[in-house]
């Protein structure tokens, strides 16, 4: 009787371990996508800083802020405008 319980316990641990490994493998996809998105964004910003002039960098930053802002028709409203003092 005791031997059967030990085998069942081992089987339960094996199933639990396989579920944990499967969950980690599933989450790995989303972690990779998030990291790649941040890397792509950082690469784009570095390219803009190294290739664009000051005026074009301001335009690029305003466009980036407009993409995140709210849209009404053909215009966009930006929040946290970096060019307003105060």
C-alpha atoms as a PDB file:
ATOM      1  CA  UNK A   1       0.000   0.000   0.000  1.00  0.00           C
ATOM      2  CA  UNK A   2       2.783   2.422   0.901  1.00  0.00           C
ATOM      3  CA  UNK A   3       4.579   1.773  -2.389  1.00  0.00           C
ATOM      4  CA  UNK A   4       1.521   2.789  -4.428  1.00  0.00           C
ATOM      5  CA  UNK A   5       1.291   6.178  -2.687  1.00  0.00           C
ATOM      6  CA  UNK A   6       4.973   6.900  -3.306  1.00  0.00           C
ATOM      7  CA  UNK A   7       4.564   6.163  -7.010  1.00  0.00           C
ATOM      8  CA  UNK A   8       1.509   8.355  -7.197  1.00  0.00           C
ATOM      9  CA  UNK A   9       3.386  11.167  -5.471  1.00  0.00           C
ATOM     10  CA  UNK A  10       6.257  10.877  -7.953  1.00  0.00           C
ATOM     11  CA  UNK A  11       3.813  10.983 -10.838  1.00  0.00           C
ATOM     12  CA  UNK A  12       2.170  14.102  -9.416  1.00  0.00           C
ATOM     13  CA  UNK A  13       5.556  15.839  -9.150  1.00  0.00           C
ATOM     14  CA  UNK A  14       6.393  14.860 -12.737  1.00  0.00           C
ATOM     15  CA  UNK A  15       3.088  16.243 -14.019  1.00  0.00           C
ATOM     16  CA  UNK A  16       3.529  19.433 -12.024  1.00  0.00           C
ATOM     17  CA  UNK A  17       7.074  19.903 -13.338  1.00  0.00           C
ATOM     18  CA  UNK A  18       5.937  19.380 -16.935  1.00  0.00           C
ATOM     19  CA  UNK A  19       3.132  21.945 -16.510  1.00  0.00           C
ATOM     20  CA  UNK A  20       5.590  24.497 -15.118  1.00  0.00           C
ATOM     21  CA  UNK A  21       8.044  23.912 -17.981  1.00  0.00           C
ATOM     22  CA  UNK A  22       5.244  24.223 -20.557  1.00  0.00           C
ATOM     23  CA  UNK A  23       4.081  27.507 -18.982  1.00  0.00           C
ATOM     24  CA  UNK A  24       7.622  28.913 -19.052  1.00  0.00           C
ATOM     25  CA  UNK A  25       8.046  27.949 -22.699  1.00  0.00           C
ATOM     26  CA  UNK A  26       4.715  29.587 -23.542  1.00  0.00           C
ATOM     27  CA  UNK A  27       5.646  32.819 -21.739  1.00  0.00           C
ATOM     28  CA  UNK A  28       9.026  32.920 -23.479  1.00  0.00           C
ATOM     29  CA  UNK A  29       7.345  33.947 -26.745  1.00  0.00           C
ATOM     30  CA  UNK A  30       5.785  37.045 -25.194  1.00  0.00           C
ATOM     31  CA  UNK A  31       8.976  38.018 -23.365  1.00  0.00           C
ATOM     32  CA  UNK A  32      10.911  37.802 -26.637  1.00  0.00           C
ATOM     33  CA  UNK A  33       8.346  39.925 -28.469  1.00  0.00           C
ATOM     34  CA  UNK A  34       8.476  42.594 -25.785  1.00  0.00           C
ATOM     35  CA  UNK A  35      12.266  42.689 -25.792  1.00  0.00           C
ATOM     36  CA  UNK A  36      12.412  42.848 -29.581  1.00  0.00           C
ATOM     37  CA  UNK A  37       9.928  45.728 -29.625  1.00  0.00           C
ATOM     38  CA  UNK A  38      11.998  47.731 -27.166  1.00  0.00           C
ATOM     39  CA  UNK A  39      15.187  46.966 -29.086  1.00  0.00           C
ATOM     40  CA  UNK A  40      13.582  48.027 -32.374  1.00  0.00           C
ATOM     41  CA  UNK A  41      12.348  51.267 -30.815  1.00  0.00           C
ATOM     42  CA  UNK A  42      15.782  52.035 -29.356  1.00  0.00           C
ATOM     43  CA  UNK A  43      17.458  51.307 -32.692  1.00  0.00           C
ATOM     44  CA  UNK A  44      15.076  53.652 -34.490  1.00  0.00           C
ATOM     45  CA  UNK A  45      15.765  56.425 -31.985  1.00  0.00           C
ATOM     46  CA  UNK A  46      19.541  55.996 -32.305  1.00  0.00           C
ATOM     47  CA  UNK A  47      19.293  56.125 -36.100  1.00  0.00           C
ATOM     48  CA  UNK A  48      17.222  59.305 -35.902  1.00  0.00           C
ATOM     49  CA  UNK A  49      19.713  60.959 -33.569  1.00  0.00           C
ATOM     50  CA  UNK A  50      22.689  60.066 -35.723  1.00  0.00           C
ATOM     51  CA  UNK A  51      21.214  60.834 -39.171  1.00  0.00           C
ATOM     52  CA  UNK A  52      18.678  63.663 -38.750  1.00  0.00           C
ATOM     53  CA  UNK A  53      19.282  67.339 -38.180  1.00  0.00           C
ATOM     54  CA  UNK A  54      17.842  69.186 -35.197  1.00  0.00           C
ATOM     55  CA  UNK A  55      14.693  70.404 -36.998  1.00  0.00           C
ATOM     56  CA  UNK A  56      13.939  66.955 -38.390  1.00  0.00           C
ATOM     57  CA  UNK A  57      14.461  65.375 -34.966  1.00  0.00           C
ATOM     58  CA  UNK A  58      11.848  67.758 -33.528  1.00  0.00           C
ATOM     59  CA  UNK A  59       9.440  66.808 -36.309  1.00  0.00           C
ATOM     60  CA  UNK A  60      10.061  63.104 -35.700  1.00  0.00           C
ATOM     61  CA  UNK A  61       9.447  63.517 -31.956  1.00  0.00           C
ATOM     62  CA  UNK A  62       6.203  65.418 -32.570  1.00  0.00           C
ATOM     63  CA  UNK A  63       5.022  62.690 -34.932  1.00  0.00           C
ATOM     64  CA  UNK A  64       5.885  60.021 -32.348  1.00  0.00           C
ATOM     65  CA  UNK A  65       3.916  61.899 -29.685  1.00  0.00           C
ATOM     66  CA  UNK A  66       0.997  62.374 -32.070  1.00  0.00           C
ATOM     67  CA  UNK A  67       0.818  58.618 -32.691  1.00  0.00           C
ATOM     68  CA  UNK A  68       0.363  58.049 -28.947  1.00  0.00           C
ATOM     69  CA  UNK A  69      -2.082  60.958 -28.498  1.00  0.00           C
ATOM     70  CA  UNK A  70      -5.781  61.147 -29.216  1.00  0.00           C
ATOM     71  CA  UNK A  71      -7.007  61.709 -32.752  1.00  0.00           C
ATOM     72  CA  UNK A  72      -9.817  63.930 -33.912  1.00  0.00           C
ATOM     73  CA  UNK A  73     -10.306  63.911 -37.662  1.00  0.00           C
ATOM     74  CA  UNK A  74      -7.076  64.806 -39.448  1.00  0.00           C
ATOM     75  CA  UNK A  75      -5.381  66.254 -36.347  1.00  0.00           C
ATOM     76  CA  UNK A  76      -3.868  64.721 -33.230  1.00  0.00           C
ATOM     77  CA  UNK A  77      -3.555  66.029 -29.684  1.00  0.00           C
ATOM     78  CA  UNK A  78      -0.310  65.285 -27.890  1.00  0.00           C
ATOM     79  CA  UNK A  79       0.152  65.021 -24.156  1.00  0.00           C
ATOM     80  CA  UNK A  80       3.359  65.923 -22.316  1.00  0.00           C
ATOM     81  CA  UNK A  81       4.610  68.290 -25.006  1.00  0.00           C
ATOM     82  CA  UNK A  82       8.424  68.455 -24.536  1.00  0.00           C
ATOM     83  CA  UNK A  83       8.661  71.897 -26.143  1.00  0.00           C
ATOM     84  CA  UNK A  84       6.387  73.814 -23.779  1.00  0.00           C
ATOM     85  CA  UNK A  85       8.124  75.445 -20.819  1.00  0.00           C
ATOM     86  CA  UNK A  86       6.451  75.505 -17.470  1.00  0.00           C
END
